[in-house]
PDB file of all heavy atoms in Angstrom:
ATOM      1  N   GLY A   1      13.574  21.177  42.637  1.00  0.00           N
ATOM      2  CA  GLY A   1      13.633  22.339  43.483  1.00  0.00           C
ATOM      3  C   GLY A   1      12.760  22.306  44.653  1.00  0.00           C
ATOM      4  O   GLY A   1      12.278  21.237  45.112  1.00  0.00           O
ATOM      5  N   ASP A   2      12.482  23.498  45.246  1.00  0.00           N
ATOM      6  CA  ASP A   2      11.571  23.564  46.428  1.00  0.00           C
ATOM      7  C   ASP A   2      10.147  23.734  45.933  1.00  0.00           C
ATOM      8  O   ASP A   2       9.834  24.573  45.090  1.00  0.00           O
ATOM      9  CB  ASP A   2      11.961  24.830  47.247  1.00  0.00           C
ATOM     10  CG  ASP A   2      13.324  24.691  47.878  1.00  0.00           C
ATOM     11  OD1 ASP A   2      13.685  23.587  48.248  1.00  0.00           O
ATOM     12  OD2 ASP A   2      14.010  25.720  47.970  1.00  0.00           O
ATOM     13  N   PHE A   3       9.262  22.882  46.453  1.00  0.00           N
ATOM     14  CA  PHE A   3       7.865  22.867  46.058  1.00  0.00           C
ATOM     15  C   PHE A   3       7.015  22.867  47.314  1.00  0.00           C
ATOM     16  O   PHE A   3       7.167  22.009  48.167  1.00  0.00           O
ATOM     17  CB  PHE A   3       7.561  21.642  45.199  1.00  0.00           C
ATOM     18  CG  PHE A   3       6.144  21.597  44.714  1.00  0.00           C
ATOM     19  CD1 PHE A   3       5.794  22.143  43.498  1.00  0.00           C
ATOM     20  CD2 PHE A   3       5.173  20.982  45.463  1.00  0.00           C
ATOM     21  CE1 PHE A   3       4.467  22.086  43.031  1.00  0.00           C
ATOM     22  CE2 PHE A   3       3.850  20.881  45.023  1.00  0.00           C
ATOM     23  CZ  PHE A   3       3.499  21.467  43.780  1.00  0.00           C
ATOM     24  N   LEU A   4       6.128  23.858  47.400  1.00  0.00           N
ATOM     25  CA  LEU A   4       5.233  23.913  48.568  1.00  0.00           C
ATOM     26  C   LEU A   4       3.794  24.042  48.033  1.00  0.00           C
ATOM     27  O   LEU A   4       3.494  24.951  47.273  1.00  0.00           O
ATOM     28  CB  LEU A   4       5.539  25.091  49.488  1.00  0.00           C
ATOM     29  CG  LEU A   4       4.567  25.279  50.670  1.00  0.00           C
ATOM     30  CD1 LEU A   4       4.665  24.096  51.631  1.00  0.00           C
ATOM     31  CD2 LEU A   4       4.894  26.543  51.433  1.00  0.00           C
ATOM     32  N   LEU A   5       2.941  23.135  48.463  1.00  0.00           N
ATOM     33  CA  LEU A   5       1.523  23.171  48.140  1.00  0.00           C
ATOM     34  C   LEU A   5       0.738  23.670  49.363  1.00  0.00           C
ATOM     35  O   LEU A   5       0.789  23.058  50.399  1.00  0.00           O
ATOM     36  CB  LEU A   5       1.060  21.777  47.735  1.00  0.00           C
ATOM     37  CG  LEU A   5      -0.453  21.569  47.412  1.00  0.00           C
ATOM     38  CD1 LEU A   5      -0.925  22.514  46.341  1.00  0.00           C
ATOM     39  CD2 LEU A   5      -0.693  20.127  47.030  1.00  0.00           C
ATOM     40  N   VAL A   6       0.088  24.781  49.177  1.00  0.00           N
ATOM     41  CA  VAL A   6      -0.736  25.354  50.271  1.00  0.00           C
ATOM     42  C   VAL A   6      -2.197  25.247  49.817  1.00  0.00           C
ATOM     43  O   VAL A   6      -2.564  25.661  48.718  1.00  0.00           O
ATOM     44  CB  VAL A   6      -0.406  26.843  50.479  1.00  0.00           C
ATOM     45  CG1 VAL A   6      -1.275  27.409  51.615  1.00  0.00           C
ATOM     46  CG2 VAL A   6       1.053  27.033  50.783  1.00  0.00           C
ATOM     47  N   THR A   7      -2.999  24.595  50.640  1.00  0.00           N
ATOM     48  CA  THR A   7      -4.410  24.441  50.255  1.00  0.00           C
ATOM     49  C   THR A   7      -5.316  25.115  51.298  1.00  0.00           C
ATOM     50  O   THR A   7      -5.050  25.085  52.491  1.00  0.00           O
ATOM     51  CB  THR A   7      -4.824  22.978  50.085  1.00  0.00           C
ATOM     52  OG1 THR A   7      -6.154  22.883  49.624  1.00  0.00           O
ATOM     53  CG2 THR A   7      -4.689  22.183  51.412  1.00  0.00           C
ATOM     54  N   GLN A   8      -6.404  25.712  50.755  1.00  0.00           N
ATOM     55  CA  GLN A   8      -7.454  26.258  51.654  1.00  0.00           C
ATOM     56  C   GLN A   8      -8.451  25.168  51.987  1.00  0.00           C
ATOM     57  O   GLN A   8      -9.317  25.439  52.836  1.00  0.00           O
ATOM     58  CB  GLN A   8      -8.137  27.413  50.933  1.00  0.00           C
ATOM     59  CG  GLN A   8      -7.241  28.585  50.625  1.00  0.00           C
ATOM     60  CD  GLN A   8      -7.934  29.591  49.721  1.00  0.00           C
ATOM     61  OE1 GLN A   8      -7.974  29.445  48.500  1.00  0.00           O
ATOM     62  NE2 GLN A   8      -8.486  30.638  50.299  1.00  0.00           N
ATOM     63  N   ASN A   9      -8.354  24.041  51.345  1.00  0.00           N
ATOM     64  CA  ASN A   9      -9.339  22.959  51.541  1.00  0.00           C
ATOM     65  C   ASN A   9      -9.041  22.136  52.818  1.00  0.00           C
ATOM     66  O   ASN A   9      -7.854  21.899  53.113  1.00  0.00           O
ATOM     67  CB  ASN A   9      -9.361  22.055  50.307  1.00  0.00           C
ATOM     68  CG  ASN A   9      -9.687  22.827  49.050  1.00  0.00           C
ATOM     69  OD1 ASN A   9     -10.447  23.818  49.103  1.00  0.00           O
ATOM     70  ND2 ASN A   9      -9.120  22.447  47.935  1.00  0.00           N
ATOM     71  N   ILE A  10     -10.075  21.705  53.474  1.00  0.00           N
ATOM     72  CA  ILE A  10      -9.891  20.910  54.669  1.00  0.00           C
ATOM     73  C   ILE A  10     -10.035  19.405  54.420  1.00  0.00           C
ATOM     74  O   ILE A  10      -9.933  18.580  55.328  1.00  0.00           O
ATOM     75  CB  ILE A  10     -10.848  21.346  55.817  1.00  0.00           C
ATOM     76  CG1 ILE A  10     -12.299  21.171  55.367  1.00  0.00           C
ATOM     77  CG2 ILE A  10     -10.576  22.785  56.210  1.00  0.00           C
ATOM     78  CD1 ILE A  10     -13.333  21.464  56.520  1.00  0.00           C
ATOM     79  N   ASP A  11     -10.287  19.051  53.170  1.00  0.00           N
ATOM     80  CA  ASP A  11     -10.369  17.615  52.835  1.00  0.00           C
ATOM     81  C   ASP A  11      -8.971  16.988  52.704  1.00  0.00           C
ATOM     82  O   ASP A  11      -7.967  17.694  52.817  1.00  0.00           O
ATOM     83  CB  ASP A  11     -11.145  17.426  51.522  1.00  0.00           C
ATOM     84  CG  ASP A  11     -10.507  18.150  50.310  1.00  0.00           C
ATOM     85  OD1 ASP A  11      -9.397  17.788  49.931  1.00  0.00           O
ATOM     86  OD2 ASP A  11     -11.096  19.106  49.793  1.00  0.00           O
ATOM     87  N   ASN A  12      -8.950  15.686  52.472  1.00  0.00           N
ATOM     88  CA  ASN A  12      -7.658  14.972  52.414  1.00  0.00           C
ATOM     89  C   ASN A  12      -7.319  14.472  51.015  1.00  0.00           C
ATOM     90  O   ASN A  12      -6.547  13.535  50.861  1.00  0.00           O
ATOM     91  CB  ASN A  12      -7.673  13.773  53.372  1.00  0.00           C
ATOM     92  CG  ASN A  12      -8.802  12.764  53.043  1.00  0.00           C
ATOM     93  OD1 ASN A  12      -9.567  12.960  52.092  1.00  0.00           O
ATOM     94  ND2 ASN A  12      -8.873  11.671  53.812  1.00  0.00           N
ATOM     95  N   LEU A  13      -7.862  15.120  49.994  1.00  0.00           N
ATOM     96  CA  LEU A  13      -7.658  14.643  48.614  1.00  0.00           C
ATOM     97  C   LEU A  13      -6.215  14.818  48.133  1.00  0.00           C
ATOM     98  O   LEU A  13      -5.700  13.984  47.372  1.00  0.00           O
ATOM     99  CB  LEU A  13      -8.647  15.343  47.665  1.00  0.00           C
ATOM    100  CG  LEU A  13     -10.112  14.979  47.952  1.00  0.00           C
ATOM    101  CD1 LEU A  13     -11.024  15.759  47.021  1.00  0.00           C
ATOM    102  CD2 LEU A  13     -10.349  13.470  47.760  1.00  0.00           C
ATOM    103  N   HIS A  14      -5.553  15.875  48.567  1.00  0.00           N
ATOM    104  CA  HIS A  14      -4.128  16.041  48.163  1.00  0.00           C
ATOM    105  C   HIS A  14      -3.279  14.949  48.721  1.00  0.00           C
ATOM    106  O   HIS A  14      -2.416  14.379  48.010  1.00  0.00           O
ATOM    107  CB  HIS A  14      -3.638  17.432  48.592  1.00  0.00           C
ATOM    108  CG  HIS A  14      -4.044  18.565  47.709  1.00  0.00           C
ATOM    109  ND1 HIS A  14      -3.758  18.621  46.388  1.00  0.00           N
ATOM    110  CD2 HIS A  14      -4.700  19.710  48.018  1.00  0.00           C
ATOM    111  CE1 HIS A  14      -4.211  19.722  45.859  1.00  0.00           C
ATOM    112  NE2 HIS A  14      -4.827  20.440  46.824  1.00  0.00           N
ATOM    113  N   GLU A  15      -3.499  14.621  49.993  1.00  0.00           N
ATOM    114  CA  GLU A  15      -2.719  13.552  50.594  1.00  0.00           C
ATOM    115  C   GLU A  15      -3.010  12.208  49.889  1.00  0.00           C
ATOM    116  O   GLU A  15      -2.082  11.425  49.637  1.00  0.00           O
ATOM    117  CB  GLU A  15      -3.098  13.377  52.081  1.00  0.00           C
ATOM    118  CG  GLU A  15      -2.570  14.479  52.957  1.00  0.00           C
ATOM    119  CD  GLU A  15      -3.589  15.594  53.141  1.00  0.00           C
ATOM    120  OE1 GLU A  15      -4.458  15.755  52.250  1.00  0.00           O
ATOM    121  OE2 GLU A  15      -3.540  16.316  54.164  1.00  0.00           O
ATOM    122  N   ARG A  16      -4.231  11.981  49.616  1.00  0.00           N
ATOM    123  CA  ARG A  16      -4.624  10.705  48.970  1.00  0.00           C
ATOM    124  C   ARG A  16      -4.008  10.643  47.545  1.00  0.00           C
ATOM    125  O   ARG A  16      -3.768   9.525  47.039  1.00  0.00           O
ATOM    126  CB  ARG A  16      -6.121  10.562  48.927  1.00  0.00           C
ATOM    127  CG  ARG A  16      -6.715  10.286  50.278  1.00  0.00           C
ATOM    128  CD  ARG A  16      -8.236  10.473  50.311  1.00  0.00           C
ATOM    129  NE  ARG A  16      -8.906   9.598  49.384  1.00  0.00           N
ATOM    130  CZ  ARG A  16     -10.217   9.643  49.145  1.00  0.00           C
ATOM    131  NH1 ARG A  16     -10.964  10.513  49.826  1.00  0.00           N
ATOM    132  NH2 ARG A  16     -10.807   8.820  48.301  1.00  0.00           N
ATOM    133  N   ALA A  17      -3.769  11.766  46.933  1.00  0.00           N
ATOM    134  CA  ALA A  17      -3.127  11.764  45.607  1.00  0.00           C
ATOM    135  C   ALA A  17      -1.615  11.584  45.658  1.00  0.00           C
ATOM    136  O   ALA A  17      -1.003  11.267  44.653  1.00  0.00           O
ATOM    137  CB  ALA A  17      -3.450  13.083  44.892  1.00  0.00           C
ATOM    138  N   GLY A  18      -1.046  11.800  46.872  1.00  0.00           N
ATOM    139  CA  GLY A  18       0.373  11.581  47.039  1.00  0.00           C
ATOM    140  C   GLY A  18       1.199  12.814  47.320  1.00  0.00           C
ATOM    141  O   GLY A  18       2.432  12.758  47.385  1.00  0.00           O
ATOM    142  N   SER A  19       0.560  13.985  47.526  1.00  0.00           N
ATOM    143  CA  SER A  19       1.294  15.194  47.845  1.00  0.00           C
ATOM    144  C   SER A  19       1.933  15.088  49.208  1.00  0.00           C
ATOM    145  O   SER A  19       1.297  14.511  50.171  1.00  0.00           O
ATOM    146  CB  SER A  19       0.365  16.415  47.813  1.00  0.00           C
ATOM    147  OG  SER A  19      -0.043  16.690  46.476  1.00  0.00           O
ATOM    148  N   ASN A  20       3.132  15.625  49.366  1.00  0.00           N
ATOM    149  CA  ASN A  20       3.881  15.477  50.621  1.00  0.00           C
ATOM    150  C   ASN A  20       4.134  16.821  51.285  1.00  0.00           C
ATOM    151  O   ASN A  20       3.862  17.012  52.468  1.00  0.00           O
ATOM    152  CB  ASN A  20       5.188  14.750  50.398  1.00  0.00           C
ATOM    153  CG  ASN A  20       4.991  13.264  50.066  1.00  0.00           C
ATOM    154  OD1 ASN A  20       4.318  12.587  50.826  1.00  0.00           O
ATOM    155  ND2 ASN A  20       5.569  12.793  48.958  1.00  0.00           N
ATOM    156  N   ASN A  21       4.759  17.738  50.542  1.00  0.00           N
ATOM    157  CA  ASN A  21       5.101  19.056  51.164  1.00  0.00           C
ATOM    158  C   ASN A  21       3.856  19.970  51.058  1.00  0.00           C
ATOM    159  O   ASN A  21       3.715  20.781  50.163  1.00  0.00           O
ATOM    160  CB  ASN A  21       6.293  19.668  50.422  1.00  0.00           C
ATOM    161  CG  ASN A  21       6.942  20.758  51.256  1.00  0.00           C
ATOM    162  OD1 ASN A  21       6.730  20.858  52.472  1.00  0.00           O
ATOM    163  ND2 ASN A  21       7.770  21.584  50.638  1.00  0.00           N
ATOM    164  N   LEU A  22       2.987  19.792  52.072  1.00  0.00           N
ATOM    165  CA  LEU A  22       1.613  20.320  51.995  1.00  0.00           C
ATOM    166  C   LEU A  22       1.266  21.020  53.296  1.00  0.00           C
ATOM    167  O   LEU A  22       1.527  20.508  54.370  1.00  0.00           O
ATOM    168  CB  LEU A  22       0.663  19.162  51.736  1.00  0.00           C
ATOM    169  CG  LEU A  22      -0.844  19.392  51.815  1.00  0.00           C
ATOM    170  CD1 LEU A  22      -1.312  20.333  50.741  1.00  0.00           C
ATOM    171  CD2 LEU A  22      -1.592  18.035  51.737  1.00  0.00           C
ATOM    172  N   ILE A  23       0.666  22.197  53.147  1.00  0.00           N
ATOM    173  CA  ILE A  23       0.133  22.916  54.311  1.00  0.00           C
ATOM    174  C   ILE A  23      -1.374  23.123  54.107  1.00  0.00           C
ATOM    175  O   ILE A  23      -1.831  23.661  53.127  1.00  0.00           O
ATOM    176  CB  ILE A  23       0.788  24.308  54.447  1.00  0.00           C
ATOM    177  CG1 ILE A  23       2.270  24.157  54.822  1.00  0.00           C
ATOM    178  CG2 ILE A  23       0.044  25.159  55.503  1.00  0.00           C
ATOM    179  CD1 ILE A  23       3.004  25.481  54.892  1.00  0.00           C
ATOM    180  N   HIS A  24      -2.139  22.658  55.109  1.00  0.00           N
ATOM    181  CA  HIS A  24      -3.584  22.954  55.181  1.00  0.00           C
ATOM    182  C   HIS A  24      -3.763  24.192  56.006  1.00  0.00           C
ATOM    183  O   HIS A  24      -3.882  24.140  57.222  1.00  0.00           O
ATOM    184  CB  HIS A  24      -4.311  21.768  55.847  1.00  0.00           C
ATOM    185  CG  HIS A  24      -4.556  20.615  54.929  1.00  0.00           C
ATOM    186  ND1 HIS A  24      -5.695  20.484  54.139  1.00  0.00           N
ATOM    187  CD2 HIS A  24      -3.816  19.467  54.738  1.00  0.00           C
ATOM    188  CE1 HIS A  24      -5.620  19.327  53.482  1.00  0.00           C
ATOM    189  NE2 HIS A  24      -4.493  18.739  53.805  1.00  0.00           N
ATOM    190  N   MET A  25      -3.812  25.360  55.363  1.00  0.00           N
ATOM    191  CA  MET A  25      -3.830  26.587  56.073  1.00  0.00           C
ATOM    192  C   MET A  25      -5.159  26.766  56.890  1.00  0.00           C
ATOM    193  O   MET A  25      -5.176  27.497  57.862  1.00  0.00           O
ATOM    194  CB  MET A  25      -3.574  27.802  55.200  1.00  0.00           C
ATOM    195  CG  MET A  25      -4.606  28.012  54.082  1.00  0.00           C
ATOM    196  SD  MET A  25      -4.207  29.490  53.095  1.00  0.00           S
ATOM    197  CE  MET A  25      -4.381  30.794  54.278  1.00  0.00           C
ATOM    198  N   HIS A  26      -6.205  26.120  56.448  1.00  0.00           N
ATOM    199  CA  HIS A  26      -7.501  26.187  57.133  1.00  0.00           C
ATOM    200  C   HIS A  26      -7.797  24.936  57.957  1.00  0.00           C
ATOM    201  O   HIS A  26      -8.954  24.760  58.393  1.00  0.00           O
ATOM    202  CB  HIS A  26      -8.603  26.465  56.163  1.00  0.00           C
ATOM    203  CG  HIS A  26      -8.554  27.838  55.540  1.00  0.00           C
ATOM    204  ND1 HIS A  26      -9.189  28.183  54.362  1.00  0.00           N
ATOM    205  CD2 HIS A  26      -7.885  28.971  55.941  1.00  0.00           C
ATOM    206  CE1 HIS A  26      -8.927  29.460  54.072  1.00  0.00           C
ATOM    207  NE2 HIS A  26      -8.129  29.946  55.003  1.00  0.00           N
ATOM    208  N   GLY A  27      -6.793  24.093  58.143  1.00  0.00           N
ATOM    209  CA  GLY A  27      -6.951  22.936  58.966  1.00  0.00           C
ATOM    210  C   GLY A  27      -7.356  21.665  58.179  1.00  0.00           C
ATOM    211  O   GLY A  27      -7.406  21.675  56.935  1.00  0.00           O
ATOM    212  N   GLU A  28      -7.586  20.589  58.926  1.00  0.00           N
ATOM    213  CA  GLU A  28      -7.834  19.266  58.299  1.00  0.00           C
ATOM    214  C   GLU A  28      -9.068  18.615  58.967  1.00  0.00           C
ATOM    215  O   GLU A  28      -9.084  18.432  60.210  1.00  0.00           O
ATOM    216  CB  GLU A  28      -6.640  18.381  58.491  1.00  0.00           C
ATOM    217  CG  GLU A  28      -5.359  18.970  57.790  1.00  0.00           C
ATOM    218  CD  GLU A  28      -4.175  18.076  58.016  1.00  0.00           C
ATOM    219  OE1 GLU A  28      -4.178  16.916  57.549  1.00  0.00           O
ATOM    220  OE2 GLU A  28      -3.178  18.524  58.687  1.00  0.00           O
ATOM    221  N   LEU A  29     -10.007  18.299  58.163  1.00  0.00           N
ATOM    222  CA  LEU A  29     -11.235  17.680  58.623  1.00  0.00           C
ATOM    223  C   LEU A  29     -10.974  16.292  59.274  1.00  0.00           C
ATOM    224  O   LEU A  29     -11.696  15.907  60.183  1.00  0.00           O
ATOM    225  CB  LEU A  29     -12.186  17.525  57.481  1.00  0.00           C
ATOM    226  CG  LEU A  29     -13.626  17.103  57.756  1.00  0.00           C
ATOM    227  CD1 LEU A  29     -14.281  18.046  58.781  1.00  0.00           C
ATOM    228  CD2 LEU A  29     -14.463  17.064  56.502  1.00  0.00           C
ATOM    229  N   CYS A  30      -9.946  15.611  58.801  1.00  0.00           N
ATOM    230  CA  CYS A  30      -9.676  14.262  59.316  1.00  0.00           C
ATOM    231  C   CYS A  30      -8.658  14.290  60.471  1.00  0.00           C
ATOM    232  O   CYS A  30      -7.960  13.278  60.720  1.00  0.00           O
ATOM    233  CB  CYS A  30      -9.170  13.365  58.185  1.00  0.00           C
ATOM    234  SG  CYS A  30     -10.475  13.014  56.971  1.00  0.00           S
ATOM    235  N   LYS A  31      -8.610  15.411  61.147  1.00  0.00           N
ATOM    236  CA  LYS A  31      -7.817  15.462  62.378  1.00  0.00           C
ATOM    237  C   LYS A  31      -8.671  16.132  63.480  1.00  0.00           C
ATOM    238  O   LYS A  31      -9.587  16.876  63.170  1.00  0.00           O
ATOM    239  CB  LYS A  31      -6.522  16.290  62.181  1.00  0.00           C
ATOM    240  CG  LYS A  31      -5.481  15.570  61.359  1.00  0.00           C
ATOM    241  CD  LYS A  31      -4.165  16.342  61.293  1.00  0.00           C
ATOM    242  CE  LYS A  31      -3.112  15.591  60.514  1.00  0.00           C
ATOM    243  NZ  LYS A  31      -1.844  16.331  60.440  1.00  0.00           N
ATOM    244  N   ALA A  32      -8.350  15.821  64.735  1.00  0.00           N
ATOM    245  CA  ALA A  32      -9.054  16.431  65.847  1.00  0.00           C
ATOM    246  C   ALA A  32      -8.022  16.999  66.824  1.00  0.00           C
ATOM    247  O   ALA A  32      -6.863  16.531  66.886  1.00  0.00           O
ATOM    248  CB  ALA A  32      -9.924  15.389  66.559  1.00  0.00           C
ATOM    249  N   ARG A  33      -8.433  18.009  67.534  1.00  0.00           N
ATOM    250  CA  ARG A  33      -7.522  18.669  68.458  1.00  0.00           C
ATOM    251  C   ARG A  33      -8.146  18.796  69.835  1.00  0.00           C
ATOM    252  O   ARG A  33      -9.353  19.034  69.965  1.00  0.00           O
ATOM    253  CB  ARG A  33      -7.199  20.087  67.941  1.00  0.00           C
ATOM    254  CG  ARG A  33      -6.219  20.853  68.821  1.00  0.00           C
ATOM    255  CD  ARG A  33      -5.699  22.098  68.122  1.00  0.00           C
ATOM    256  NE  ARG A  33      -6.606  23.244  68.183  1.00  0.00           N
ATOM    257  CZ  ARG A  33      -7.190  23.763  67.126  1.00  0.00           C
ATOM    258  NH1 ARG A  33      -7.041  23.200  65.942  1.00  0.00           N
ATOM    259  NH2 ARG A  33      -7.973  24.808  67.250  1.00  0.00           N
ATOM    260  N   CYS A  34      -7.321  18.520  70.846  1.00  0.00           N
ATOM    261  CA  CYS A  34      -7.824  18.630  72.255  1.00  0.00           C
ATOM    262  C   CYS A  34      -7.567  20.022  72.731  1.00  0.00           C
ATOM    263  O   CYS A  34      -6.413  20.533  72.713  1.00  0.00           O
ATOM    264  CB  CYS A  34      -7.101  17.584  73.118  1.00  0.00           C
ATOM    265  SG  CYS A  34      -7.527  17.721  74.885  1.00  0.00           S
ATOM    266  N   GLU A  35      -8.593  20.713  73.209  1.00  0.00           N
ATOM    267  CA  GLU A  35      -8.437  22.059  73.747  1.00  0.00           C
ATOM    268  C   GLU A  35      -7.869  22.067  75.120  1.00  0.00           C
ATOM    269  O   GLU A  35      -7.447  23.097  75.631  1.00  0.00           O
ATOM    270  CB  GLU A  35      -9.791  22.764  73.729  1.00  0.00           C
ATOM    271  CG  GLU A  35     -10.324  23.038  72.315  1.00  0.00           C
ATOM    272  CD  GLU A  35     -11.470  23.999  72.311  1.00  0.00           C
ATOM    273  OE1 GLU A  35     -12.430  23.795  73.106  1.00  0.00           O
ATOM    274  OE2 GLU A  35     -11.446  24.967  71.519  1.00  0.00           O
ATOM    275  N   GLU A  36      -7.772  20.886  75.736  1.00  0.00           N
ATOM    276  CA  GLU A  36      -7.164  20.784  77.076  1.00  0.00           C
ATOM    277  C   GLU A  36      -5.642  20.665  77.013  1.00  0.00           C
ATOM    278  O   GLU A  36      -4.939  21.438  77.668  1.00  0.00           O
ATOM    279  CB  GLU A  36      -7.740  19.594  77.802  1.00  0.00           C
ATOM    280  CG  GLU A  36      -9.234  19.658  78.083  1.00  0.00           C
ATOM    281  CD  GLU A  36      -9.545  20.689  79.132  1.00  0.00           C
ATOM    282  OE1 GLU A  36      -8.698  21.023  79.949  1.00  0.00           O
ATOM    283  OE2 GLU A  36     -10.698  21.180  79.104  1.00  0.00           O
TER     284      GLU A  36
END
């Protein structure tokens, strides 16, 4: 069926475990964003 994993955590442990349909609602520490 439909499976959605929503995490409040900013680490990458879910990805490293193999989760795919994943939302980091508080962002991701291993990503950077350009404000420009």
